[in-house]
Structures are given as C-alpha cells and as structure tokens.
C-alpha cells in the first residue's frame, strides 16, 4: 500500500539463476521462512533455490530430487520447509544457522549480505567483517557510525569494555 506506515517496501526484480541443464525449468512451489527471512523455491525439475527476502539476492541452488515436488509448507520448528514429491517422498529442507553467514562470505563473496543477515538473525560468522568495519570507522573518527556498528553487532560481541575504551580514546566531536 502506498500509504503504509514506515514507507513502501520494494525489492528490485532478480533473475532466477537457472542451471544450463534446466533452461525450460520453472518454479512450482515457493515458501517464505518467517524465522530466517528467506524464500525457498522449488522448480519442476527438482531444483531448490534460496533467496534473501529483503534483498531478493539468490543465496543457494541445488538439485534436491529428480521427481516433481507438488506440495510444500513451512516447517516452523526449523524455519525450513517440508515437501512431498510425486512419488510420495517426504523432504525436509532447512538452514544450518552456524554455516549460513560463512557460506555467504566464502562462496558468494557478498560481505554486505553477510553483515545484513548476521545482524538480522543474530548469527555468528561475520565477526571479522564487523570488527574491520568498526575499526575503519573509529580510525576515520566517525563516532556515530562506529557506535551504530557496535550496537548492531550480532550477539553484541562488540559491546565490550575494550570497545568503550576505543570510544574514550577518540577525539571529541564538535556538537
């Protein structure tokens, strides 16, 4: 709605990264995970796609079955999905929280997305990125920016006496 409180939420359209052997493939199911803020999509040829719901960026793609998955539903306990194939096979698909951010950093090489997901889901794996960003802001004298990074750090790992000391050692800001 155009008059929604907080503004309108829009995600730029993204291409679905179809594999070469599945050029004529198409989505048959799509489920949003409230727990992770991800969208699970399964195609007719049995490919699983995972997208970040806030950016629309593709995170993962793999063929999980050679059969058509005809029904899926959210599995709230895991934040994943359950699916049934044409042959009656039950599939349970979910994220491993411990490996999500390291996968985004290592495989996708998308530090911005890794930081956003680590902050949103309070996950580990982006601590080095946060520390580097915090230290760069401190070195630049950006007190407000450094404070924001420290406040939003996953598991509050930057909210330490050492961080407070860094702020105390910074030059006073006018105003």
N, C-alpha and C. Protein backbone atom coordinates (compact mmCIF):
# COMPACT_ATOMS: atom_id res chain seq x y z
N UNK A 1 0.85 -1.17 0.00
CA UNK A 1 0.00 0.00 0.00
C UNK A 1 0.89 1.23 0.00
N UNK A 2 0.53 2.21 -0.77
CA UNK A 2 1.34 3.41 -0.91
C UNK A 2 1.41 4.25 0.35
N UNK A 3 0.43 4.13 1.23
CA UNK A 3 0.41 4.94 2.44
C UNK A 3 0.76 4.11 3.67
N UNK A 4 1.46 3.02 3.50
CA UNK A 4 1.81 2.15 4.62
C UNK A 4 2.72 2.88 5.60
N UNK A 5 2.49 2.66 6.92
CA UNK A 5 3.37 3.28 7.91
C UNK A 5 4.80 2.78 7.71
N UNK A 6 5.76 3.68 7.76
CA UNK A 6 7.14 3.27 7.57
C UNK A 6 7.57 3.25 6.12
N UNK A 7 6.66 3.54 5.20
CA UNK A 7 7.02 3.57 3.78
C UNK A 7 6.70 2.28 3.07
N UNK A 8 7.00 2.28 1.81
CA UNK A 8 6.71 1.14 0.95
C UNK A 8 7.95 0.27 0.83
N UNK A 9 7.78 -1.02 0.96
CA UNK A 9 8.88 -1.98 0.87
C UNK A 9 8.93 -2.52 -0.56
N UNK A 10 10.06 -2.35 -1.21
CA UNK A 10 10.22 -2.86 -2.57
C UNK A 10 11.55 -3.58 -2.70
N UNK A 11 11.53 -4.67 -3.42
CA UNK A 11 12.75 -5.40 -3.75
C UNK A 11 12.88 -5.37 -5.26
N UNK A 12 14.05 -5.01 -5.74
CA UNK A 12 14.28 -4.97 -7.18
C UNK A 12 14.14 -6.39 -7.76
N UNK A 13 13.54 -6.51 -8.95
CA UNK A 13 13.41 -7.83 -9.56
C UNK A 13 14.79 -8.48 -9.76
N UNK A 14 14.86 -9.76 -9.53
CA UNK A 14 16.11 -10.52 -9.69
C UNK A 14 15.86 -11.67 -10.65
N UNK A 15 16.85 -11.98 -11.46
CA UNK A 15 16.76 -13.14 -12.33
C UNK A 15 16.94 -14.40 -11.50
N UNK A 16 16.22 -15.45 -11.85
CA UNK A 16 16.39 -16.74 -11.18
C UNK A 16 17.57 -17.42 -11.87
N UNK A 17 18.61 -17.79 -11.12
CA UNK A 17 19.81 -18.37 -11.71
C UNK A 17 19.61 -19.83 -12.13
N UNK A 18 18.96 -20.03 -13.27
CA UNK A 18 18.67 -21.38 -13.77
C UNK A 18 19.95 -22.05 -14.27
N UNK A 19 20.14 -23.33 -13.94
CA UNK A 19 21.30 -24.04 -14.47
C UNK A 19 21.15 -24.32 -15.95
N UNK A 20 22.26 -24.55 -16.62
CA UNK A 20 22.26 -24.77 -18.08
C UNK A 20 21.40 -25.97 -18.47
N UNK A 21 21.39 -27.03 -17.65
CA UNK A 21 20.62 -28.23 -17.99
C UNK A 21 19.13 -28.09 -17.69
N UNK A 22 18.72 -26.93 -17.22
CA UNK A 22 17.32 -26.73 -16.86
C UNK A 22 16.78 -25.42 -17.42
N UNK A 23 17.12 -25.13 -18.67
CA UNK A 23 16.71 -23.86 -19.28
C UNK A 23 15.19 -23.69 -19.35
N UNK A 24 14.45 -24.79 -19.47
CA UNK A 24 12.99 -24.73 -19.56
C UNK A 24 12.30 -24.99 -18.23
N UNK A 25 13.05 -25.01 -17.17
CA UNK A 25 12.51 -25.27 -15.84
C UNK A 25 11.70 -24.06 -15.36
N UNK A 26 10.82 -24.27 -14.39
CA UNK A 26 10.03 -23.17 -13.84
C UNK A 26 9.63 -23.50 -12.40
N UNK A 27 9.38 -22.46 -11.59
CA UNK A 27 9.02 -22.67 -10.19
C UNK A 27 7.66 -23.35 -10.04
N UNK A 28 7.57 -24.27 -9.07
CA UNK A 28 6.29 -24.89 -8.76
C UNK A 28 5.85 -24.61 -7.32
N UNK A 29 6.79 -24.37 -6.42
CA UNK A 29 6.44 -24.02 -5.05
C UNK A 29 7.33 -22.89 -4.55
N UNK A 30 6.78 -22.10 -3.65
CA UNK A 30 7.54 -21.02 -3.03
C UNK A 30 7.00 -20.81 -1.62
N UNK A 31 7.91 -20.80 -0.65
CA UNK A 31 7.53 -20.59 0.75
C UNK A 31 8.48 -19.60 1.39
N UNK A 32 7.93 -18.73 2.21
CA UNK A 32 8.74 -17.77 2.97
C UNK A 32 8.99 -18.31 4.37
N UNK A 33 10.21 -18.18 4.82
CA UNK A 33 10.56 -18.56 6.18
C UNK A 33 10.53 -17.31 7.05
N UNK A 34 9.58 -17.26 7.98
CA UNK A 34 9.49 -16.13 8.88
C UNK A 34 10.70 -16.07 9.81
N UNK A 35 11.19 -17.23 10.18
CA UNK A 35 12.33 -17.31 11.11
C UNK A 35 13.61 -16.73 10.51
N UNK A 36 13.87 -17.01 9.23
CA UNK A 36 15.13 -16.59 8.61
C UNK A 36 14.99 -15.42 7.64
N UNK A 37 13.78 -15.08 7.26
CA UNK A 37 13.63 -14.03 6.26
C UNK A 37 14.16 -14.49 4.91
N UNK A 38 13.91 -15.74 4.57
CA UNK A 38 14.35 -16.33 3.31
C UNK A 38 13.15 -16.87 2.55
N UNK A 39 13.32 -17.01 1.26
CA UNK A 39 12.29 -17.64 0.42
C UNK A 39 12.87 -18.92 -0.15
N UNK A 40 12.17 -20.02 0.07
CA UNK A 40 12.52 -21.30 -0.52
C UNK A 40 11.68 -21.48 -1.77
N UNK A 41 12.33 -21.79 -2.88
CA UNK A 41 11.60 -22.04 -4.13
C UNK A 41 12.08 -23.38 -4.69
N UNK A 42 11.15 -24.20 -5.13
CA UNK A 42 11.49 -25.47 -5.76
C UNK A 42 10.91 -25.47 -7.16
N UNK A 43 11.71 -25.93 -8.11
CA UNK A 43 11.29 -25.94 -9.51
C UNK A 43 10.75 -27.31 -9.91
N UNK A 44 10.14 -27.37 -11.08
CA UNK A 44 9.56 -28.61 -11.59
C UNK A 44 10.61 -29.71 -11.71
N UNK A 45 11.84 -29.34 -12.07
CA UNK A 45 12.90 -30.32 -12.25
C UNK A 45 13.61 -30.68 -10.95
N UNK A 46 13.11 -30.18 -9.81
CA UNK A 46 13.65 -30.58 -8.52
C UNK A 46 14.79 -29.73 -7.99
N UNK A 47 14.96 -28.53 -8.53
CA UNK A 47 16.00 -27.64 -8.02
C UNK A 47 15.45 -26.81 -6.87
N UNK A 48 16.25 -26.70 -5.82
CA UNK A 48 15.94 -25.85 -4.68
C UNK A 48 16.69 -24.54 -4.85
N UNK A 49 16.00 -23.45 -4.65
CA UNK A 49 16.60 -22.11 -4.67
C UNK A 49 16.30 -21.46 -3.32
N UNK A 50 17.28 -20.71 -2.82
CA UNK A 50 17.09 -19.97 -1.58
C UNK A 50 17.42 -18.52 -1.86
N UNK A 51 16.49 -17.62 -1.51
CA UNK A 51 16.66 -16.19 -1.74
C UNK A 51 16.51 -15.44 -0.41
N UNK A 52 17.28 -14.35 -0.27
CA UNK A 52 17.09 -13.45 0.86
C UNK A 52 15.85 -12.62 0.55
N UNK A 53 14.89 -12.61 1.45
CA UNK A 53 13.61 -11.94 1.20
C UNK A 53 13.74 -10.42 1.16
N UNK A 54 14.74 -9.86 1.84
CA UNK A 54 14.87 -8.41 1.92
C UNK A 54 15.62 -7.80 0.75
N UNK A 55 16.54 -8.55 0.16
CA UNK A 55 17.30 -8.03 -0.98
C UNK A 55 16.91 -8.70 -2.28
N UNK A 56 16.30 -9.89 -2.19
CA UNK A 56 15.97 -10.66 -3.38
C UNK A 56 17.15 -11.42 -3.94
N UNK A 57 18.31 -11.33 -3.29
CA UNK A 57 19.52 -11.97 -3.81
C UNK A 57 19.44 -13.49 -3.67
N UNK A 58 19.86 -14.20 -4.72
CA UNK A 58 19.92 -15.67 -4.61
C UNK A 58 21.08 -16.07 -3.71
N UNK A 59 20.83 -17.03 -2.83
CA UNK A 59 21.85 -17.48 -1.89
C UNK A 59 22.33 -18.89 -2.23
N UNK A 60 21.42 -19.74 -2.68
CA UNK A 60 21.79 -21.14 -2.87
C UNK A 60 20.92 -21.77 -3.95
N UNK A 61 21.53 -22.75 -4.68
CA UNK A 61 20.79 -23.53 -5.66
C UNK A 61 21.40 -24.93 -5.71
N UNK A 62 20.55 -25.94 -5.65
CA UNK A 62 21.00 -27.33 -5.76
C UNK A 62 19.82 -28.19 -6.19
N UNK A 63 20.13 -29.24 -6.90
CA UNK A 63 19.09 -30.20 -7.26
C UNK A 63 18.90 -31.13 -6.08
N UNK A 64 17.68 -31.20 -5.56
CA UNK A 64 17.42 -32.00 -4.37
C UNK A 64 16.64 -33.27 -4.67
N UNK A 65 16.05 -33.34 -5.86
CA UNK A 65 15.30 -34.53 -6.26
C UNK A 65 15.15 -34.54 -7.78
N UNK A 66 14.93 -35.72 -8.32
CA UNK A 66 14.65 -35.83 -9.76
C UNK A 66 13.14 -35.89 -10.01
N UNK A 67 12.37 -35.99 -8.92
CA UNK A 67 10.91 -36.01 -9.02
C UNK A 67 10.35 -34.61 -8.82
N UNK A 68 9.16 -34.40 -9.34
CA UNK A 68 8.49 -33.12 -9.15
C UNK A 68 7.96 -33.02 -7.72
N UNK A 69 8.25 -31.90 -7.08
CA UNK A 69 7.70 -31.61 -5.75
C UNK A 69 6.39 -30.87 -6.01
N UNK A 70 5.29 -31.42 -5.53
CA UNK A 70 4.00 -30.80 -5.85
C UNK A 70 3.35 -30.06 -4.70
N UNK A 71 3.86 -30.24 -3.47
CA UNK A 71 3.29 -29.51 -2.34
C UNK A 71 4.39 -29.24 -1.31
N UNK A 72 4.39 -28.03 -0.77
CA UNK A 72 5.33 -27.67 0.30
C UNK A 72 4.60 -26.82 1.33
N UNK A 73 5.16 -26.80 2.52
CA UNK A 73 4.64 -25.96 3.59
C UNK A 73 5.79 -25.56 4.50
N UNK A 74 5.61 -24.46 5.21
CA UNK A 74 6.64 -24.03 6.15
C UNK A 74 6.73 -25.00 7.32
N UNK A 75 7.94 -25.30 7.73
CA UNK A 75 8.19 -26.10 8.93
C UNK A 75 8.67 -25.12 9.99
N UNK A 76 7.75 -24.65 10.83
CA UNK A 76 8.05 -23.55 11.75
C UNK A 76 9.12 -23.90 12.78
N UNK A 77 9.20 -25.15 13.19
CA UNK A 77 10.19 -25.53 14.20
C UNK A 77 11.62 -25.30 13.72
N UNK A 78 11.87 -25.52 12.43
CA UNK A 78 13.23 -25.36 11.89
C UNK A 78 13.39 -24.09 11.07
N UNK A 79 12.28 -23.46 10.72
CA UNK A 79 12.35 -22.31 9.82
C UNK A 79 12.53 -22.72 8.38
N UNK A 80 12.43 -24.01 8.12
CA UNK A 80 12.59 -24.55 6.77
C UNK A 80 11.25 -24.91 6.15
N UNK A 81 11.29 -25.89 5.27
CA UNK A 81 10.06 -26.33 4.62
C UNK A 81 9.99 -27.86 4.59
N UNK A 82 8.77 -28.36 4.44
CA UNK A 82 8.52 -29.77 4.17
C UNK A 82 7.90 -29.84 2.79
N UNK A 83 8.29 -30.86 2.03
CA UNK A 83 7.75 -31.03 0.69
C UNK A 83 7.44 -32.48 0.41
N UNK A 84 6.52 -32.70 -0.54
CA UNK A 84 6.16 -34.06 -0.96
C UNK A 84 6.38 -34.16 -2.46
N UNK A 85 7.07 -35.22 -2.87
CA UNK A 85 7.29 -35.43 -4.30
C UNK A 85 6.14 -36.23 -4.89
N UNK A 86 6.15 -36.30 -6.20
CA UNK A 86 5.13 -37.04 -6.93
C UNK A 86 5.10 -38.51 -6.52
N UNK A 87 6.26 -39.06 -6.13
CA UNK A 87 6.34 -40.47 -5.72
C UNK A 87 6.12 -40.68 -4.23
N UNK A 88 5.76 -39.61 -3.50
CA UNK A 88 5.45 -39.74 -2.09
C UNK A 88 6.63 -39.56 -1.15
N UNK A 89 7.77 -39.16 -1.67
CA UNK A 89 8.93 -38.92 -0.82
C UNK A 89 8.72 -37.63 -0.03
N UNK A 90 8.99 -37.67 1.27
CA UNK A 90 8.88 -36.50 2.13
C UNK A 90 10.26 -35.85 2.23
N UNK A 91 10.32 -34.55 1.96
CA UNK A 91 11.57 -33.80 2.04
C UNK A 91 11.49 -32.79 3.18
N UNK A 92 12.55 -32.69 3.96
CA UNK A 92 12.66 -31.66 4.98
C UNK A 92 13.91 -30.85 4.64
N UNK A 93 13.72 -29.57 4.40
CA UNK A 93 14.80 -28.69 3.99
C UNK A 93 14.87 -27.53 4.98
N UNK A 94 16.05 -27.29 5.53
CA UNK A 94 16.21 -26.16 6.46
C UNK A 94 17.65 -25.67 6.42
N UNK A 95 17.86 -24.49 6.96
CA UNK A 95 19.18 -23.88 7.02
C UNK A 95 19.92 -24.33 8.26
N UNK A 96 21.24 -24.43 8.13
CA UNK A 96 22.09 -24.63 9.28
C UNK A 96 22.60 -23.25 9.66
N UNK A 97 22.07 -22.68 10.73
CA UNK A 97 22.41 -21.31 11.13
C UNK A 97 23.91 -21.09 11.30
N UNK A 98 24.63 -22.12 11.75
CA UNK A 98 26.06 -21.97 12.01
C UNK A 98 26.88 -21.78 10.73
N UNK A 99 26.35 -22.21 9.59
CA UNK A 99 27.11 -22.14 8.35
C UNK A 99 26.58 -21.14 7.34
N UNK A 100 25.45 -20.49 7.63
CA UNK A 100 24.84 -19.58 6.67
C UNK A 100 25.74 -18.38 6.35
N UNK A 101 26.16 -17.65 7.36
CA UNK A 101 26.98 -16.45 7.12
C UNK A 101 28.35 -16.82 6.56
N UNK A 102 29.06 -17.84 7.12
CA UNK A 102 30.33 -18.22 6.49
C UNK A 102 30.18 -18.65 5.03
N UNK A 103 29.05 -19.29 4.68
CA UNK A 103 28.81 -19.67 3.29
C UNK A 103 28.67 -18.42 2.42
N UNK A 104 27.94 -17.44 2.88
CA UNK A 104 27.75 -16.21 2.10
C UNK A 104 29.08 -15.48 1.92
N UNK A 105 29.89 -15.45 2.97
CA UNK A 105 31.20 -14.80 2.87
C UNK A 105 32.13 -15.59 1.95
N UNK A 106 32.22 -16.90 2.17
CA UNK A 106 33.19 -17.73 1.44
C UNK A 106 32.80 -18.08 0.02
N UNK A 107 31.53 -18.43 -0.20
CA UNK A 107 31.10 -18.88 -1.52
C UNK A 107 30.56 -17.75 -2.38
N UNK A 108 29.71 -16.92 -1.81
CA UNK A 108 29.10 -15.84 -2.59
C UNK A 108 29.97 -14.59 -2.62
N UNK A 109 30.86 -14.48 -1.65
CA UNK A 109 31.74 -13.31 -1.53
C UNK A 109 30.94 -12.00 -1.48
N UNK A 110 29.86 -12.03 -0.71
CA UNK A 110 28.98 -10.87 -0.58
C UNK A 110 29.00 -10.41 0.88
N UNK A 111 29.97 -9.56 1.20
CA UNK A 111 30.13 -9.13 2.59
C UNK A 111 28.94 -8.31 3.08
N UNK A 112 28.38 -7.50 2.21
CA UNK A 112 27.23 -6.68 2.60
C UNK A 112 26.04 -7.56 3.00
N UNK A 113 25.77 -8.58 2.20
CA UNK A 113 24.67 -9.50 2.51
C UNK A 113 24.98 -10.29 3.79
N UNK A 114 26.23 -10.71 3.96
CA UNK A 114 26.62 -11.46 5.16
C UNK A 114 26.40 -10.63 6.42
N UNK A 115 26.79 -9.36 6.37
CA UNK A 115 26.61 -8.48 7.52
C UNK A 115 25.12 -8.26 7.80
N UNK A 116 24.34 -8.04 6.74
CA UNK A 116 22.90 -7.80 6.91
C UNK A 116 22.21 -9.01 7.53
N UNK A 117 22.54 -10.21 7.05
CA UNK A 117 21.89 -11.42 7.57
C UNK A 117 22.38 -11.73 8.99
N UNK A 118 23.67 -11.56 9.24
CA UNK A 118 24.19 -11.79 10.59
C UNK A 118 23.52 -10.87 11.60
N UNK A 119 23.32 -9.60 11.21
CA UNK A 119 22.65 -8.64 12.11
C UNK A 119 21.20 -9.02 12.33
N UNK A 120 20.52 -9.30 11.24
CA UNK A 120 19.08 -9.57 11.31
C UNK A 120 18.77 -10.84 12.10
N UNK A 121 19.60 -11.88 11.93
CA UNK A 121 19.32 -13.16 12.57
C UNK A 121 20.18 -13.42 13.81
N UNK A 122 21.02 -12.44 14.17
CA UNK A 122 21.90 -12.57 15.33
C UNK A 122 22.79 -13.81 15.22
N UNK A 123 23.44 -13.96 14.06
CA UNK A 123 24.27 -15.13 13.78
C UNK A 123 25.75 -14.79 13.83
N UNK A 124 26.54 -15.80 14.11
CA UNK A 124 27.99 -15.64 14.06
C UNK A 124 28.45 -15.83 12.61
N UNK A 125 29.72 -15.56 12.38
CA UNK A 125 30.28 -15.76 11.05
C UNK A 125 30.72 -14.49 10.38
N UNK A 126 30.24 -13.35 10.86
CA UNK A 126 30.62 -12.07 10.26
C UNK A 126 31.38 -11.20 11.26
N UNK A 127 31.85 -11.81 12.34
CA UNK A 127 32.52 -11.04 13.39
C UNK A 127 33.73 -10.27 12.85
N UNK A 128 34.53 -10.91 12.02
CA UNK A 128 35.71 -10.24 11.46
C UNK A 128 35.30 -9.06 10.58
N UNK A 129 34.23 -9.22 9.83
CA UNK A 129 33.74 -8.12 8.98
C UNK A 129 33.27 -6.96 9.84
N UNK A 130 32.55 -7.27 10.91
CA UNK A 130 32.09 -6.22 11.82
C UNK A 130 33.26 -5.51 12.48
N UNK A 131 34.23 -6.28 12.93
CA UNK A 131 35.40 -5.68 13.59
C UNK A 131 36.15 -4.76 12.63
N UNK A 132 36.34 -5.21 11.40
CA UNK A 132 37.05 -4.39 10.40
C UNK A 132 36.27 -3.11 10.12
N UNK A 133 34.95 -3.24 9.97
CA UNK A 133 34.11 -2.06 9.71
C UNK A 133 34.15 -1.10 10.89
N UNK A 134 34.06 -1.64 12.09
CA UNK A 134 34.11 -0.81 13.30
C UNK A 134 35.45 -0.08 13.40
N UNK A 135 36.55 -0.81 13.22
CA UNK A 135 37.88 -0.20 13.32
C UNK A 135 38.11 0.86 12.25
N UNK A 136 37.59 0.65 11.05
CA UNK A 136 37.73 1.64 9.98
C UNK A 136 36.97 2.92 10.35
N UNK A 137 35.79 2.77 10.92
CA UNK A 137 35.01 3.94 11.32
C UNK A 137 35.66 4.68 12.49
N UNK A 138 36.23 3.93 13.41
CA UNK A 138 36.94 4.56 14.53
C UNK A 138 38.15 5.33 14.00
N UNK A 139 38.91 4.71 13.09
CA UNK A 139 40.09 5.36 12.52
C UNK A 139 39.72 6.63 11.76
N UNK A 140 38.53 6.63 11.14
CA UNK A 140 38.07 7.81 10.40
C UNK A 140 37.44 8.86 11.32
N UNK A 141 37.30 8.53 12.60
CA UNK A 141 36.69 9.48 13.54
C UNK A 141 35.19 9.54 13.47
N UNK A 142 34.57 8.55 12.85
CA UNK A 142 33.11 8.52 12.71
C UNK A 142 32.50 7.85 13.94
N UNK A 143 32.27 8.64 14.97
CA UNK A 143 31.75 8.13 16.24
C UNK A 143 30.36 7.53 16.05
N UNK A 144 29.49 8.25 15.37
CA UNK A 144 28.11 7.78 15.18
C UNK A 144 28.09 6.47 14.40
N UNK A 145 28.87 6.38 13.33
CA UNK A 145 28.91 5.16 12.53
C UNK A 145 29.47 3.99 13.31
N UNK A 146 30.55 4.23 14.07
CA UNK A 146 31.16 3.17 14.88
C UNK A 146 30.19 2.70 15.96
N UNK A 147 29.47 3.66 16.57
CA UNK A 147 28.50 3.30 17.61
C UNK A 147 27.37 2.45 17.03
N UNK A 148 26.94 2.78 15.83
CA UNK A 148 25.87 2.02 15.19
C UNK A 148 26.32 0.59 14.90
N UNK A 149 27.54 0.44 14.38
CA UNK A 149 28.07 -0.90 14.09
C UNK A 149 28.19 -1.71 15.38
N UNK A 150 28.70 -1.08 16.44
CA UNK A 150 28.83 -1.78 17.72
C UNK A 150 27.46 -2.19 18.26
N UNK A 151 26.49 -1.31 18.14
CA UNK A 151 25.14 -1.61 18.66
C UNK A 151 24.46 -2.73 17.88
N UNK A 152 24.71 -2.80 16.57
CA UNK A 152 24.05 -3.79 15.73
C UNK A 152 24.85 -5.09 15.59
N UNK A 153 26.01 -5.18 16.22
CA UNK A 153 26.83 -6.38 16.07
C UNK A 153 26.10 -7.61 16.60
N UNK A 154 26.16 -8.72 15.86
CA UNK A 154 25.48 -9.94 16.28
C UNK A 154 25.98 -10.39 17.66
N UNK A 155 25.07 -10.89 18.45
CA UNK A 155 25.36 -11.39 19.79
C UNK A 155 26.05 -10.34 20.65
N UNK A 156 25.94 -9.06 20.24
CA UNK A 156 26.52 -7.92 20.98
C UNK A 156 28.02 -8.10 21.24
N UNK A 157 28.72 -8.77 20.31
CA UNK A 157 30.12 -9.09 20.57
C UNK A 157 31.02 -7.86 20.59
N UNK A 158 30.55 -6.73 20.05
CA UNK A 158 31.35 -5.50 20.11
C UNK A 158 30.99 -4.63 21.31
N UNK A 159 30.07 -5.06 22.11
CA UNK A 159 29.69 -4.30 23.31
C UNK A 159 30.53 -4.78 24.48
N UNK A 160 31.78 -4.32 24.50
CA UNK A 160 32.74 -4.77 25.50
C UNK A 160 33.45 -3.57 26.11
N UNK A 161 34.14 -3.78 27.23
CA UNK A 161 34.96 -2.71 27.80
C UNK A 161 36.03 -2.21 26.81
N UNK A 162 36.57 -3.10 25.99
CA UNK A 162 37.59 -2.70 25.01
C UNK A 162 36.99 -1.72 23.99
N UNK A 163 35.74 -1.95 23.59
CA UNK A 163 35.08 -1.04 22.65
C UNK A 163 34.86 0.32 23.29
N UNK A 164 34.44 0.32 24.54
CA UNK A 164 34.23 1.59 25.25
C UNK A 164 35.55 2.36 25.34
N UNK A 165 36.64 1.64 25.58
CA UNK A 165 37.96 2.28 25.64
C UNK A 165 38.31 2.94 24.31
N UNK A 166 37.97 2.29 23.20
CA UNK A 166 38.25 2.87 21.89
C UNK A 166 37.47 4.18 21.71
N UNK A 167 36.24 4.19 22.17
CA UNK A 167 35.45 5.42 22.07
C UNK A 167 36.05 6.52 22.96
N UNK A 168 36.50 6.16 24.14
CA UNK A 168 37.07 7.16 25.06
C UNK A 168 38.37 7.75 24.53
N UNK A 169 39.09 6.96 23.71
CA UNK A 169 40.36 7.42 23.15
C UNK A 169 40.18 8.28 21.90
N UNK A 170 38.96 8.32 21.35
CA UNK A 170 38.71 9.11 20.15
C UNK A 170 38.68 10.59 20.49
N UNK A 171 39.03 11.40 19.51
CA UNK A 171 38.99 12.86 19.68
C UNK A 171 37.55 13.31 19.88
N UNK A 172 37.32 14.26 20.78
CA UNK A 172 35.94 14.75 20.99
C UNK A 172 35.37 15.34 19.70
N UNK A 173 34.09 15.08 19.49
CA UNK A 173 33.40 15.56 18.30
C UNK A 173 32.67 16.86 18.62
N UNK A 174 32.74 17.85 17.72
CA UNK A 174 32.01 19.10 17.97
C UNK A 174 30.50 18.83 17.96
N UNK A 175 29.78 19.54 18.83
CA UNK A 175 28.32 19.45 18.85
C UNK A 175 27.90 18.38 19.75
